Amino acid sequence: MFGLGSQELIIILAIVFLIFGAKKLPEIGSGLGKAIKNFKGGVKSIEEGPSEKPPEKMKEEAKDSGGTKPV
């Protein structure tokens, strides 16, 4: 992985642990996981195409129906 051996990865993880501490690491991992999930979802939605109507059509439909949106 990126030309790094197991010893280099252990040293990097130890440095990260010392910098951020034990309490902050789960938050960082959780945030990173959510970011990756959102990125994959965004890429997937782009590949599938738009799922909603373009804003222009929504405006036209609102004008045709009287211009009010149900609350």
PDB file of N, CA and C in Angstrom:
ATOM      1  N   MET A   1       0.840  -1.178   0.000  1.00  0.00           N
ATOM      2  CA  MET A   1       0.000   0.000   0.000  1.00  0.00           C
ATOM      3  C   MET A   1       0.885   1.241   0.000  1.00  0.00           C
ATOM      4  N   PHE A   2       0.923   1.976  -1.093  1.00  0.00           N
ATOM      5  CA  PHE A   2       1.709   3.195  -1.266  1.00  0.00           C
ATOM      6  C   PHE A   2       3.197   2.959  -1.036  1.00  0.00           C
ATOM      7  N   GLY A   3       3.651   1.735  -1.160  1.00  0.00           N
ATOM      8  CA  GLY A   3       5.063   1.433  -0.978  1.00  0.00           C
ATOM      9  C   GLY A   3       5.512   1.469   0.473  1.00  0.00           C
ATOM     10  N   LEU A   4       4.572   1.414   1.412  1.00  0.00           N
ATOM     11  CA  LEU A   4       4.922   1.437   2.830  1.00  0.00           C
ATOM     12  C   LEU A   4       4.842   0.030   3.405  1.00  0.00           C
ATOM     13  N   GLY A   5       5.815  -0.279   4.234  1.00  0.00           N
ATOM     14  CA  GLY A   5       5.800  -1.573   4.904  1.00  0.00           C
ATOM     15  C   GLY A   5       5.035  -1.489   6.206  1.00  0.00           C
ATOM     16  N   SER A   6       4.959  -2.613   6.893  1.00  0.00           N
ATOM     17  CA  SER A   6       4.200  -2.649   8.140  1.00  0.00           C
ATOM     18  C   SER A   6       4.862  -1.801   9.234  1.00  0.00           C
ATOM     19  N   GLN A   7       6.179  -1.756   9.252  1.00  0.00           N
ATOM     20  CA  GLN A   7       6.872  -0.956  10.264  1.00  0.00           C
ATOM     21  C   GLN A   7       6.592   0.537  10.078  1.00  0.00           C
ATOM     22  N   GLU A   8       6.587   0.991   8.841  1.00  0.00           N
ATOM     23  CA  GLU A   8       6.310   2.399   8.575  1.00  0.00           C
ATOM     24  C   GLU A   8       4.877   2.758   8.968  1.00  0.00           C
ATOM     25  N   LEU A   9       3.931   1.860   8.674  1.00  0.00           N
ATOM     26  CA  LEU A   9       2.539   2.118   9.037  1.00  0.00           C
ATOM     27  C   LEU A   9       2.356   2.177  10.550  1.00  0.00           C
ATOM     28  N   ILE A  10       3.028   1.321  11.273  1.00  0.00           N
ATOM     29  CA  ILE A  10       2.941   1.327  12.735  1.00  0.00           C
ATOM     30  C   ILE A  10       3.499   2.632  13.295  1.00  0.00           C
ATOM     31  N   ILE A  11       4.601   3.088  12.745  1.00  0.00           N
ATOM     32  CA  ILE A  11       5.193   4.352  13.201  1.00  0.00           C
ATOM     33  C   ILE A  11       4.256   5.521  12.907  1.00  0.00           C
ATOM     34  N   ILE A  12       3.654   5.539  11.726  1.00  0.00           N
ATOM     35  CA  ILE A  12       2.722   6.610  11.367  1.00  0.00           C
ATOM     36  C   ILE A  12       1.509   6.589  12.289  1.00  0.00           C
ATOM     37  N   LEU A  13       0.956   5.418  12.554  1.00  0.00           N
ATOM     38  CA  LEU A  13      -0.192   5.310  13.456  1.00  0.00           C
ATOM     39  C   LEU A  13       0.163   5.758  14.871  1.00  0.00           C
ATOM     40  N   ALA A  14       1.360   5.438  15.334  1.00  0.00           N
ATOM     41  CA  ALA A  14       1.789   5.867  16.664  1.00  0.00           C
ATOM     42  C   ALA A  14       1.894   7.389  16.730  1.00  0.00           C
ATOM     43  N   ILE A  15       2.410   8.004  15.690  1.00  0.00           N
ATOM     44  CA  ILE A  15       2.519   9.469  15.664  1.00  0.00           C
ATOM     45  C   ILE A  15       1.138  10.109  15.652  1.00  0.00           C
ATOM     46  N   VAL A  16       0.228   9.556  14.852  1.00  0.00           N
ATOM     47  CA  VAL A  16      -1.143  10.077  14.811  1.00  0.00           C
ATOM     48  C   VAL A  16      -1.797   9.936  16.181  1.00  0.00           C
ATOM     49  N   PHE A  17      -1.582   8.809  16.839  1.00  0.00           N
ATOM     50  CA  PHE A  17      -2.139   8.577  18.170  1.00  0.00           C
ATOM     51  C   PHE A  17      -1.602   9.604  19.157  1.00  0.00           C
ATOM     52  N   LEU A  18      -0.312   9.903  19.086  1.00  0.00           N
ATOM     53  CA  LEU A  18       0.282  10.878  20.000  1.00  0.00           C
ATOM     54  C   LEU A  18      -0.231  12.292  19.728  1.00  0.00           C
ATOM     55  N   ILE A  19      -0.443  12.618  18.463  1.00  0.00           N
ATOM     56  CA  ILE A  19      -0.894  13.967  18.113  1.00  0.00           C
ATOM     57  C   ILE A  19      -2.345  14.188  18.522  1.00  0.00           C
ATOM     58  N   PHE A  20      -3.229  13.274  18.176  1.00  0.00           N
ATOM     59  CA  PHE A  20      -4.653  13.480  18.390  1.00  0.00           C
ATOM     60  C   PHE A  20      -5.169  12.915  19.703  1.00  0.00           C
ATOM     61  N   GLY A  21      -4.524  11.935  20.255  1.00  0.00           N
ATOM     62  CA  GLY A  21      -4.974  11.354  21.509  1.00  0.00           C
ATOM     63  C   GLY A  21      -6.038  10.298  21.303  1.00  0.00           C
ATOM     64  N   ALA A  22      -6.299   9.553  22.367  1.00  0.00           N
ATOM     65  CA  ALA A  22      -7.220   8.424  22.282  1.00  0.00           C
ATOM     66  C   ALA A  22      -8.674   8.871  22.156  1.00  0.00           C
ATOM     67  N   LYS A  23      -9.035  10.013  22.733  1.00  0.00           N
ATOM     68  CA  LYS A  23     -10.427  10.463  22.701  1.00  0.00           C
ATOM     69  C   LYS A  23     -10.827  11.008  21.341  1.00  0.00           C
ATOM     70  N   LYS A  24      -9.897  11.593  20.626  1.00  0.00           N
ATOM     71  CA  LYS A  24     -10.224  12.238  19.353  1.00  0.00           C
ATOM     72  C   LYS A  24     -10.214  11.255  18.181  1.00  0.00           C
ATOM     73  N   LEU A  25      -9.504  10.153  18.290  1.00  0.00           N
ATOM     74  CA  LEU A  25      -9.393   9.210  17.173  1.00  0.00           C
ATOM     75  C   LEU A  25     -10.730   8.624  16.723  1.00  0.00           C
ATOM     76  N   PRO A  26     -11.643   8.210  17.615  1.00  0.00           N
ATOM     77  CA  PRO A  26     -12.935   7.697  17.136  1.00  0.00           C
ATOM     78  C   PRO A  26     -13.743   8.758  16.366  1.00  0.00           C
ATOM     79  N   GLU A  27     -13.657  10.015  16.816  1.00  0.00           N
ATOM     80  CA  GLU A  27     -14.365  11.089  16.117  1.00  0.00           C
ATOM     81  C   GLU A  27     -13.790  11.293  14.721  1.00  0.00           C
ATOM     82  N   ILE A  28     -12.485  11.244  14.617  1.00  0.00           N
ATOM     83  CA  ILE A  28     -11.839  11.405  13.320  1.00  0.00           C
ATOM     84  C   ILE A  28     -12.208  10.249  12.396  1.00  0.00           C
ATOM     85  N   GLY A  29     -12.182   9.039  12.918  1.00  0.00           N
ATOM     86  CA  GLY A  29     -12.551   7.862  12.118  1.00  0.00           C
ATOM     87  C   GLY A  29     -13.993   7.927  11.659  1.00  0.00           C
ATOM     88  N   SER A  30     -14.870   8.332  12.559  1.00  0.00           N
ATOM     89  CA  SER A  30     -16.291   8.443  12.217  1.00  0.00           C
ATOM     90  C   SER A  30     -16.511   9.498  11.135  1.00  0.00           C
ATOM     91  N   GLY A  31     -15.876  10.639  11.289  1.00  0.00           N
ATOM     92  CA  GLY A  31     -15.999  11.702  10.291  1.00  0.00           C
ATOM     93  C   GLY A  31     -15.447  11.284   8.941  1.00  0.00           C
ATOM     94  N   LEU A  32     -14.342  10.585   8.959  1.00  0.00           N
ATOM     95  CA  LEU A  32     -13.749  10.102   7.709  1.00  0.00           C
ATOM     96  C   LEU A  32     -14.647   9.078   7.036  1.00  0.00           C
ATOM     97  N   GLY A  33     -15.234   8.186   7.822  1.00  0.00           N
ATOM     98  CA  GLY A  33     -16.160   7.180   7.266  1.00  0.00           C
ATOM     99  C   GLY A  33     -17.383   7.820   6.642  1.00  0.00           C
ATOM    100  N   LYS A  34     -17.955   8.830   7.317  1.00  0.00           N
ATOM    101  CA  LYS A  34     -19.120   9.533   6.779  1.00  0.00           C
ATOM    102  C   LYS A  34     -18.762  10.272   5.494  1.00  0.00           C
ATOM    103  N   ALA A  35     -17.577  10.874   5.468  1.00  0.00           N
ATOM    104  CA  ALA A  35     -17.151  11.601   4.275  1.00  0.00           C
ATOM    105  C   ALA A  35     -17.002  10.655   3.081  1.00  0.00           C
ATOM    106  N   ILE A  36     -16.417   9.495   3.307  1.00  0.00           N
ATOM    107  CA  ILE A  36     -16.246   8.514   2.234  1.00  0.00           C
ATOM    108  C   ILE A  36     -17.602   8.022   1.745  1.00  0.00           C
ATOM    109  N   LYS A  37     -18.521   7.765   2.690  1.00  0.00           N
ATOM    110  CA  LYS A  37     -19.864   7.304   2.324  1.00  0.00           C
ATOM    111  C   LYS A  37     -20.600   8.353   1.491  1.00  0.00           C
ATOM    112  N   ASN A  38     -20.524   9.614   1.906  1.00  0.00           N
ATOM    113  CA  ASN A  38     -21.166  10.686   1.146  1.00  0.00           C
ATOM    114  C   ASN A  38     -20.541  10.846  -0.242  1.00  0.00           C
ATOM    115  N   PHE A  39     -19.228  10.712  -0.321  1.00  0.00           N
ATOM    116  CA  PHE A  39     -18.552  10.827  -1.612  1.00  0.00           C
ATOM    117  C   PHE A  39     -18.996   9.721  -2.558  1.00  0.00           C
ATOM    118  N   LYS A  40     -19.051   8.489  -2.046  1.00  0.00           N
ATOM    119  CA  LYS A  40     -19.490   7.369  -2.881  1.00  0.00           C
ATOM    120  C   LYS A  40     -20.931   7.553  -3.324  1.00  0.00           C
ATOM    121  N   GLY A  41     -21.791   8.051  -2.416  1.00  0.00           N
ATOM    122  CA  GLY A  41     -23.187   8.308  -2.774  1.00  0.00           C
ATOM    123  C   GLY A  41     -23.306   9.379  -3.845  1.00  0.00           C
ATOM    124  N   GLY A  42     -22.476  10.407  -3.754  1.00  0.00           N
ATOM    125  CA  GLY A  42     -22.483  11.462  -4.762  1.00  0.00           C
ATOM    126  C   GLY A  42     -22.033  10.958  -6.117  1.00  0.00           C
ATOM    127  N   VAL A  43     -21.004  10.154  -6.128  1.00  0.00           N
ATOM    128  CA  VAL A  43     -20.517   9.587  -7.387  1.00  0.00           C
ATOM    129  C   VAL A  43     -21.573   8.673  -8.000  1.00  0.00           C
ATOM    130  N   LYS A  44     -22.227   7.885  -7.156  1.00  0.00           N
ATOM    131  CA  LYS A  44     -23.261   6.965  -7.644  1.00  0.00           C
ATOM    132  C   LYS A  44     -24.444   7.739  -8.223  1.00  0.00           C
ATOM    133  N   SER A  45     -24.849   8.826  -7.559  1.00  0.00           N
ATOM    134  CA  SER A  45     -25.985   9.602  -8.058  1.00  0.00           C
ATOM    135  C   SER A  45     -25.645  10.296  -9.377  1.00  0.00           C
ATOM    136  N   ILE A  46     -24.399  10.682  -9.545  1.00  0.00           N
ATOM    137  CA  ILE A  46     -23.988  11.303 -10.810  1.00  0.00           C
ATOM    138  C   ILE A  46     -24.031  10.273 -11.930  1.00  0.00           C
ATOM    139  N   GLU A  47     -23.589   9.051 -11.636  1.00  0.00           N
ATOM    140  CA  GLU A  47     -23.586   7.997 -12.649  1.00  0.00           C
ATOM    141  C   GLU A  47     -25.010   7.603 -13.056  1.00  0.00           C
ATOM    142  N   GLU A  48     -25.948   7.635 -12.088  1.00  0.00           N
ATOM    143  CA  GLU A  48     -27.325   7.246 -12.378  1.00  0.00           C
ATOM    144  C   GLU A  48     -28.103   8.356 -13.063  1.00  0.00           C
ATOM    145  N   GLY A  49     -27.668   9.572 -12.941  1.00  0.00           N
ATOM    146  CA  GLY A  49     -28.362  10.706 -13.531  1.00  0.00           C
ATOM    147  C   GLY A  49     -29.209  11.410 -12.496  1.00  0.00           C
ATOM    148  N   PRO A  50     -29.760  12.567 -12.864  1.00  0.00           N
ATOM    149  CA  PRO A  50     -30.535  13.341 -11.895  1.00  0.00           C
ATOM    150  C   PRO A  50     -31.824  12.619 -11.509  1.00  0.00           C
ATOM    151  N   SER A  51     -32.142  12.651 -10.213  1.00  0.00           N
ATOM    152  CA  SER A  51     -33.340  11.979  -9.739  1.00  0.00           C
ATOM    153  C   SER A  51     -34.498  12.955  -9.568  1.00  0.00           C
ATOM    154  N   GLU A  52     -34.203  14.252  -9.568  1.00  0.00           N
ATOM    155  CA  GLU A  52     -35.240  15.260  -9.405  1.00  0.00           C
ATOM    156  C   GLU A  52     -35.413  16.046 -10.696  1.00  0.00           C
ATOM    157  N   LYS A  53     -36.511  16.765 -10.763  1.00  0.00           N
ATOM    158  CA  LYS A  53     -36.767  17.603 -11.927  1.00  0.00           C
ATOM    159  C   LYS A  53     -35.859  18.826 -11.867  1.00  0.00           C
ATOM    160  N   PRO A  54     -35.493  19.368 -13.015  1.00  0.00           N
ATOM    161  CA  PRO A  54     -34.700  20.595 -13.016  1.00  0.00           C
ATOM    162  C   PRO A  54     -35.483  21.734 -12.377  1.00  0.00           C
ATOM    163  N   PRO A  55     -34.799  22.713 -11.788  1.00  0.00           N
ATOM    164  CA  PRO A  55     -35.485  23.814 -11.120  1.00  0.00           C
ATOM    165  C   PRO A  55     -36.430  24.596 -12.043  1.00  0.00           C
ATOM    166  N   GLU A  56     -36.117  24.665 -13.342  1.00  0.00           N
ATOM    167  CA  GLU A  56     -36.977  25.403 -14.266  1.00  0.00           C
ATOM    168  C   GLU A  56     -38.362  24.761 -14.358  1.00  0.00           C
ATOM    169  N   LYS A  57     -38.395  23.433 -14.412  1.00  0.00           N
ATOM    170  CA  LYS A  57     -39.680  22.733 -14.516  1.00  0.00           C
ATOM    171  C   LYS A  57     -40.470  22.860 -13.230  1.00  0.00           C
ATOM    172  N   MET A  58     -39.787  22.875 -12.094  1.00  0.00           N
ATOM    173  CA  MET A  58     -40.477  23.025 -10.826  1.00  0.00           C
ATOM    174  C   MET A  58     -41.137  24.394 -10.739  1.00  0.00           C
ATOM    175  N   LYS A  59     -40.440  25.438 -11.253  1.00  0.00           N
ATOM    176  CA  LYS A  59     -41.014  26.780 -11.245  1.00  0.00           C
ATOM    177  C   LYS A  59     -42.237  26.849 -12.154  1.00  0.00           C
ATOM    178  N   GLU A  60     -42.161  26.219 -13.335  1.00  0.00           N
ATOM    179  CA  GLU A  60     -43.289  26.224 -14.271  1.00  0.00           C
ATOM    180  C   GLU A  60     -44.497  25.516 -13.666  1.00  0.00           C
ATOM    181  N   GLU A  61     -44.262  24.389 -12.997  1.00  0.00           N
ATOM    182  CA  GLU A  61     -45.356  23.638 -12.375  1.00  0.00           C
ATOM    183  C   GLU A  61     -45.990  24.459 -11.237  1.00  0.00           C
ATOM    184  N   ALA A  62     -45.175  25.206 -10.507  1.00  0.00           N
ATOM    185  CA  ALA A  62     -45.700  26.029  -9.421  1.00  0.00           C
ATOM    186  C   ALA A  62     -46.584  27.138  -9.981  1.00  0.00           C
ATOM    187  N   LYS A  63     -46.204  27.709 -11.134  1.00  0.00           N
ATOM    188  CA  LYS A  63     -47.011  28.749 -11.753  1.00  0.00           C
ATOM    189  C   LYS A  63     -48.327  28.177 -12.249  1.00  0.00           C
ATOM    190  N   ASP A  64     -48.284  26.972 -12.826  1.00  0.00           N
ATOM    191  CA  ASP A  64     -49.492  26.339 -13.351  1.00  0.00           C
ATOM    192  C   ASP A  64     -50.476  25.957 -12.241  1.00  0.00           C
ATOM    193  N   SER A  65     -49.951  25.614 -11.078  1.00  0.00           N
ATOM    194  CA  SER A  65     -50.836  25.166  -9.998  1.00  0.00           C
ATOM    195  C   SER A  65     -51.288  26.303  -9.103  1.00  0.00           C
ATOM    196  N   GLY A  66     -51.024  27.517  -9.467  1.00  0.00           N
ATOM    197  CA  GLY A  66     -51.491  28.647  -8.665  1.00  0.00           C
ATOM    198  C   GLY A  66     -50.373  29.326  -7.918  1.00  0.00           C
ATOM    199  N   GLY A  67     -49.191  28.803  -7.975  1.00  0.00           N
ATOM    200  CA  GLY A  67     -48.040  29.460  -7.381  1.00  0.00           C
ATOM    201  C   GLY A  67     -47.845  29.214  -5.892  1.00  0.00           C
ATOM    202  N   THR A  68     -48.671  28.393  -5.280  1.00  0.00           N
ATOM    203  CA  THR A  68     -48.472  28.120  -3.864  1.00  0.00           C
ATOM    204  C   THR A  68     -48.051  26.690  -3.658  1.00  0.00           C
ATOM    205  N   LYS A  69     -47.199  26.507  -2.674  1.00  0.00           N
ATOM    206  CA  LYS A  69     -46.746  25.160  -2.345  1.00  0.00           C
ATOM    207  C   LYS A  69     -47.489  24.697  -1.108  1.00  0.00           C
ATOM    208  N   PRO A  70     -47.896  23.445  -1.061  1.00  0.00           N
ATOM    209  CA  PRO A  70     -48.537  22.925   0.158  1.00  0.00           C
ATOM    210  C   PRO A  70     -47.543  22.877   1.304  1.00  0.00           C
ATOM    211  N   VAL A  71     -48.008  23.153   2.483  1.00  0.00           N
ATOM    212  CA  VAL A  71     -47.116  23.180   3.658  1.00  0.00           C
ATOM    213  C   VAL A  71     -47.176  21.905   4.409  1.00  0.00           C
TER     214      VAL A  71
END
